[in-house]
Protein backbone atom coordinates (compact mmCIF):
# COMPACT_ATOMS: atom_id res chain seq x y z
CA MET A 1 -27.22 -10.51 -15.19
CA SER A 2 -28.75 -13.09 -12.94
CA ILE A 3 -26.33 -16.08 -12.24
CA ASP A 4 -28.06 -19.22 -11.35
CA GLU A 5 -26.18 -21.44 -8.47
CA ALA A 6 -25.39 -24.19 -11.18
CA GLU A 7 -23.11 -21.51 -13.04
CA ILE A 8 -21.64 -20.30 -9.46
CA GLY A 9 -21.13 -23.61 -8.19
CA ARG A 10 -18.52 -24.35 -11.37
CA LEU A 11 -17.06 -20.80 -11.87
CA THR A 12 -16.14 -19.43 -8.38
CA ASP A 13 -15.76 -15.32 -8.17
CA ILE A 14 -13.32 -14.23 -5.77
CA PRO A 15 -12.87 -10.48 -5.24
CA LEU A 16 -10.05 -7.93 -4.91
CA PRO A 17 -9.26 -8.05 -1.27
CA THR A 18 -10.53 -4.66 0.47
CA ASN A 19 -7.43 -3.46 2.06
CA GLY A 20 -5.15 -4.69 -0.85
CA HIS A 21 -2.74 -3.70 -3.15
CA GLY A 22 -4.60 -4.66 -5.88
CA LEU A 23 -4.73 -8.63 -6.40
CA PHE A 24 -2.44 -8.66 -3.56
CA GLU A 25 -3.19 -8.91 0.34
CA GLU A 26 0.44 -8.77 1.22
CA LEU A 27 3.40 -7.43 -0.76
CA HIS A 28 6.02 -9.01 1.43
CA GLY A 29 8.55 -6.36 1.66
CA LEU A 30 8.30 -5.84 -1.98
CA PRO A 31 7.36 -1.86 -2.37
CA ASP A 32 4.15 -2.62 -4.72
CA GLY A 33 1.66 -4.97 -6.69
CA GLU A 34 3.90 -5.31 -9.97
CA SER A 35 7.23 -6.06 -8.19
CA LEU A 36 5.46 -8.77 -6.19
CA SER A 37 4.20 -10.32 -9.60
CA THR A 38 7.32 -10.11 -11.17
CA GLU A 39 9.28 -11.71 -8.63
CA LEU A 40 6.46 -14.65 -8.27
CA GLN A 41 6.90 -14.80 -12.47
CA SER A 42 10.50 -14.92 -11.98
CA ARG A 43 10.20 -17.76 -9.17
CA SER A 44 7.84 -19.91 -11.20
CA ALA A 45 9.85 -19.77 -14.12
CA ARG A 46 12.88 -21.25 -11.80
CA LEU A 47 11.23 -23.42 -10.00
CA PHE A 48 7.73 -24.73 -11.75
CA GLY A 49 7.14 -28.38 -11.12
CA THR A 50 9.19 -28.74 -8.28
CA ALA A 51 6.75 -28.71 -5.50
CA GLY A 52 4.29 -30.93 -7.57
CA SER A 53 6.62 -33.39 -8.54
CA ALA A 54 7.58 -33.49 -4.98
CA PHE A 55 4.45 -34.03 -3.60
CA VAL A 56 3.53 -36.85 -5.76
CA ARG A 57 6.41 -38.85 -5.26
CA ARG A 58 5.54 -38.36 -1.43
CA LEU A 59 2.28 -39.49 -2.25
CA VAL A 60 2.96 -42.45 -4.11
CA LYS A 61 5.39 -44.18 -0.79
CA ASP A 62 2.47 -43.22 1.50
CA LYS A 63 0.17 -45.88 2.72
CA GLN A 64 -3.18 -45.66 0.58
CA ASN A 65 -5.41 -45.88 3.54
CA ASP A 66 -3.42 -43.60 5.82
CA VAL A 67 -3.78 -40.95 3.17
CA LYS A 68 -7.51 -41.28 2.46
CA ASN A 69 -8.03 -40.92 5.89
CA PHE A 70 -5.91 -38.41 6.47
CA ILE A 71 -8.00 -36.07 3.63
CA ARG A 72 -11.42 -37.26 5.40
CA GLU A 73 -10.84 -35.95 8.14
CA ARG A 74 -9.13 -32.88 6.72
CA ARG A 75 -11.96 -32.31 4.68
CA ARG A 76 -14.45 -32.61 7.62
CA ALA A 77 -12.52 -30.13 9.28
CA TYR A 78 -12.75 -27.58 6.74
CA LEU A 79 -16.35 -28.31 6.36
CA ARG A 80 -17.17 -27.74 10.39
CA LYS A 81 -15.35 -24.41 10.23
CA LEU A 82 -16.76 -23.06 7.39
CA HIS A 83 -20.61 -23.90 8.16
CA LYS A 84 -19.88 -22.68 11.87
CA LEU A 85 -19.03 -19.34 10.25
CA THR A 86 -21.70 -18.92 7.42
CA ALA A 87 -24.10 -19.84 10.20
CA ARG A 88 -22.97 -17.28 12.08
CA ASP A 89 -22.85 -14.57 8.94
CA GLY A 90 -26.01 -15.80 7.72
CA LEU A 91 -24.59 -16.95 4.41
CA SER A 92 -25.78 -20.12 2.53
CA PRO A 93 -22.53 -21.77 0.91
CA LEU A 94 -23.25 -24.36 -2.35
CA LYS A 95 -22.06 -27.79 -1.61
CA ARG A 96 -19.90 -28.49 -4.71
CA PRO A 97 -17.52 -24.95 -4.48
CA SER A 98 -17.41 -25.97 -0.26
CA ASP A 99 -16.31 -29.49 -1.41
CA ARG A 100 -13.87 -27.85 -3.97
CA PHE A 101 -12.40 -25.51 -0.91
CA ALA A 102 -12.25 -28.42 1.43
CA THR A 103 -10.63 -31.02 -0.89
CA THR A 104 -7.87 -27.80 -1.60
CA TYR A 105 -7.25 -27.46 2.40
CA ALA A 106 -6.75 -31.67 2.89
CA ALA A 107 -4.32 -31.32 0.16
CA GLY A 108 -2.72 -28.36 1.46
CA CYS A 109 -2.28 -30.07 4.63
CA LEU A 110 -0.93 -33.13 3.30
CA ALA A 111 2.12 -31.15 1.68
CA ILE A 112 2.21 -29.54 4.81
CA LYS A 113 2.32 -32.95 6.26
CA TYR A 114 5.46 -34.07 3.93
CA GLY A 115 7.27 -30.99 4.13
CA ILE A 116 6.61 -29.50 1.23
CA LEU A 117 4.80 -26.62 2.35
CA ALA A 118 6.17 -24.01 5.34
CA TRP A 119 2.85 -23.28 6.78
CA SER A 120 0.82 -23.84 9.54
CA ARG A 121 -2.84 -26.00 9.51
CA ASP A 122 -4.35 -22.50 10.92
CA ALA A 123 -2.18 -20.58 8.09
CA LEU A 124 -3.52 -22.27 5.49
CA LEU A 125 -7.05 -22.69 6.97
CA ARG A 126 -7.40 -18.98 7.52
CA ALA A 127 -6.80 -18.11 3.58
CA ILE A 128 -8.64 -20.80 2.16
CA LEU A 129 -11.43 -19.75 4.35
CA SER A 130 -10.85 -16.12 3.72
CA CYS A 131 -11.43 -16.87 -0.02
CA GLN A 132 -14.88 -18.40 -0.04
CA LEU A 133 -16.24 -16.33 2.94
CA ASP A 134 -15.27 -13.32 0.24
CA GLN A 135 -16.82 -15.28 -2.38
CA LEU A 136 -19.86 -15.42 -0.70
CA GLY A 137 -20.23 -11.72 -0.15
CA TYR A 138 -19.37 -10.65 -3.26
CA VAL A 139 -21.45 -8.23 -4.97
CA GLU A 140 -20.58 -7.21 -8.64
CA PRO A 141 -19.86 -3.22 -7.98
CA ASP A 142 -21.81 -2.02 -10.90
CA GLN A 143 -25.00 -3.95 -9.74
CA GLY A 144 -25.32 -1.14 -6.96
CA GLN A 145 -28.01 -3.07 -5.05
CA VAL A 146 -27.79 -5.47 -2.31
CA GLY A 147 -29.42 -8.59 -3.16
CA SER A 148 -30.65 -9.87 0.18
CA VAL A 149 -30.53 -8.98 4.13
CA GLN A 150 -27.90 -12.01 4.73
CA GLU A 151 -25.39 -10.77 1.75
CA ALA A 152 -25.98 -6.87 3.39
CA GLN A 153 -25.45 -8.40 7.00
CA HIS A 154 -22.15 -10.06 5.84
CA ARG A 155 -21.01 -7.07 4.01
CA LEU A 156 -21.70 -5.14 7.09
CA ILE A 157 -19.85 -7.84 9.43
CA LYS A 158 -17.18 -7.45 6.52
CA TYR A 159 -16.50 -4.12 6.59
CA LEU A 160 -16.38 -3.70 10.79
CA ARG A 161 -13.61 -6.73 10.92
CA ASN A 162 -11.63 -5.01 7.85
CA ASN A 163 -11.64 -1.71 9.18
CA HIS A 164 -11.60 -2.15 12.86
CA LYS A 165 -7.80 -0.70 12.88
CA ASN A 166 -9.00 2.02 11.67
CA LEU A 167 -12.15 2.77 13.98
CA ARG A 168 -11.56 5.96 16.03
CA ARG A 169 -11.29 5.17 19.80
CA LEU A 170 -13.16 6.97 22.59
CA LYS A 171 -11.23 5.96 25.91
CA LYS A 172 -11.83 6.32 29.25
CA GLY A 173 -14.95 8.41 28.76
CA LYS A 174 -12.58 10.75 26.78
CA LEU A 175 -14.92 12.46 23.73
CA LEU A 176 -13.29 12.48 20.37
CA GLU A 177 -11.08 15.14 19.11
CA VAL A 178 -11.97 15.23 15.83
CA ASP A 179 -13.24 18.31 13.79
CA ARG A 180 -16.60 17.61 13.49
CA GLU A 181 -17.09 18.03 9.77
CA ARG A 182 -14.39 15.57 9.14
CA ILE A 183 -16.35 12.47 10.69
CA ASN A 184 -16.86 10.53 7.60
CA ASP A 185 -12.98 10.42 7.02
CA PHE A 186 -12.51 7.57 8.99
CA PRO A 187 -14.65 4.01 9.00
CA GLY A 188 -16.45 4.15 12.02
CA ILE A 189 -16.18 4.57 15.81
CA LEU A 190 -15.28 2.20 19.10
CA ALA A 191 -16.37 3.66 22.19
CA LYS A 192 -18.42 2.23 25.55
CA PHE A 193 -21.75 3.67 26.42
CA LYS A 194 -22.90 2.19 29.99
CA GLY A 195 -20.11 0.35 30.26
CA ARG A 196 -20.50 -1.86 27.03
CA ALA A 197 -18.74 -1.74 23.86
CA ARG A 198 -20.51 0.48 20.65
CA TYR A 199 -19.58 0.70 16.75
CA TYR A 200 -20.99 3.53 15.77
CA LEU A 201 -21.22 4.29 11.90
CA THR A 202 -23.07 7.59 10.44
CA ASP A 203 -25.17 7.08 7.37
CA LYS A 204 -22.72 7.57 5.16
CA GLN A 205 -20.50 4.82 6.70
CA LEU A 206 -23.38 2.55 7.07
CA SER A 207 -24.01 2.78 3.26
CA ALA A 208 -20.01 2.59 2.03
CA ALA A 209 -20.40 -0.70 4.60
CA VAL A 210 -23.84 -2.42 2.70
CA GLY A 211 -24.44 -0.35 -0.32
CA LYS A 212 -27.88 1.03 -1.05
CA GLY A 213 -30.91 -1.14 -1.90
CA ALA A 214 -34.60 -2.24 -0.10
CA PHE A 215 -32.95 -4.94 1.81
CA VAL A 216 -30.30 -2.46 4.29
CA SER A 217 -34.00 -1.02 5.53
CA ASP A 218 -34.41 -4.66 6.47
CA LEU A 219 -31.12 -5.61 8.08
CA LYS A 220 -32.15 -2.52 9.90
CA HIS A 221 -35.10 -4.28 11.55
CA LYS A 222 -33.39 -7.72 11.56
CA LEU A 223 -30.89 -6.30 13.81
CA ALA A 224 -32.62 -4.35 15.81
CA GLN A 225 -35.30 -7.34 16.77
CA GLU A 226 -32.20 -9.51 17.37
CA GLY A 227 -30.73 -6.79 19.96
CA LEU A 228 -27.37 -5.97 17.94
CA LEU A 229 -28.76 -2.68 16.74
CA GLU A 230 -29.86 0.17 19.06
CA ARG A 231 -32.93 2.41 18.90
CA ASP A 232 -33.75 5.24 20.21
CA SER A 233 -36.70 6.29 22.45
CA GLN A 234 -38.65 7.13 19.06
CA GLY A 235 -38.09 3.41 17.65
CA ARG A 236 -35.66 5.07 15.32
CA PHE A 237 -32.77 3.32 14.41
CA VAL A 238 -30.45 6.12 14.67
CA VAL A 239 -29.34 7.37 18.02
CA GLN A 240 -28.18 10.67 19.26
CA ARG A 241 -24.07 10.65 21.01
CA VAL A 242 -21.83 13.12 22.10
CA LEU A 243 -18.72 12.47 20.28
CA PHE A 244 -16.88 15.93 20.16
CA GLN A 245 -15.05 17.70 22.64
CA GLY A 246 -14.32 21.72 22.38
CA GLY A 247 -15.86 24.20 19.98
CA LYS A 248 -19.11 25.89 20.40
CA ARG A 249 -21.43 22.74 19.96
CA ARG A 250 -19.16 20.61 22.13
CA HIS A 251 -22.62 19.48 23.84
CA THR A 252 -24.42 18.63 20.92
CA PRO A 253 -25.20 14.62 20.14
CA THR A 254 -24.53 13.49 16.24
CA ARG A 255 -26.70 11.23 15.05
CA VAL A 256 -25.37 7.54 14.31
CA TYR A 257 -26.25 3.92 14.28
CA SER A 258 -25.23 2.36 17.21
CA PHE A 259 -24.37 -1.26 16.44
CA LYS A 260 -23.56 -3.84 19.56
CA THR A 261 -19.91 -5.80 19.30
CA GLN A 262 -21.48 -9.25 19.72
CA ILE A 263 -22.78 -8.77 15.82
CA LEU A 264 -18.78 -10.03 15.14
CA GLY A 265 -19.59 -12.77 17.80
CA MET A 266 -17.57 -11.12 20.32
CA ASP A 267 -16.90 -8.07 22.65
CA THR A 268 -14.13 -6.88 20.49
CA PHE A 269 -13.24 -3.79 22.46
CA VAL A 270 -13.31 -6.11 25.79
CA ASP A 271 -10.84 -8.28 24.51
CA SER A 272 -8.62 -5.99 23.05
CA GLN A 273 -8.47 -4.28 26.51
CA LYS A 274 -7.71 -7.70 28.12
CA ARG A 275 -4.84 -8.40 25.47
CA GLN A 276 -3.32 -5.41 25.98
CA SER A 277 -3.24 -5.70 30.20
CA GLU A 278 -2.05 -9.45 29.39
CA SER A 279 1.05 -7.81 27.28
CA ARG A 280 1.72 -5.46 29.84
CA GLU A 281 1.81 -8.03 32.64
CA LYS A 282 4.17 -9.85 30.42
């Protein structure tokens, strides 16, 4: 079923977290999602309305001009950050839902200022931006097809970000010590090639990241033109890399897609090594 922008602007769908626990991304020390849900219901029953009443009392005592200026600046700050991220990821947010997310952020910042919410502005900003960015890249699972190049690119970037900690690493020129037949049991590989970091994905891993559809081929062409996806000497999108050591086929290359880490707007491998070095120095 086709959903137009008028409906999306009024009813925003935020998908379940990719690496979460059903509805929840964090369980906050509880064993499962059901336990957290039960605890939230219990606290809501005891404390219902407490934060809202405290917020209203502080709001009516505050100078209205100060409040308006504060809300205006926080909304602008949210929208600036949103537009920076969506431009990078090739997404096009609608004005109506963006304004609502911005207002939610501004109100939350005001509650933090009043001491009602024990969060930081940065944490609040990340949480709300995460909801809107997930909504922008969301595709109903039963549709089965990627709808646009921008959508496919966003899904790939999100996949690499969410799975970054679980990628297999090739360090100091050593080859990957893992059974060749199990390569698709993990989300991908992070390695250096000729001194530069690369994300390696098999065809199956790429399909898990972006799905299937005509736009996936267009995405490959787009990323190759931008210098983010390598081609082999024949112009093909897959390259051959020797990834495994041991066994009779230790010199046999594997065909993979090779993405430069700049696809995330940063050199993840280098940044990671730098942080580890700084941590050791401390």
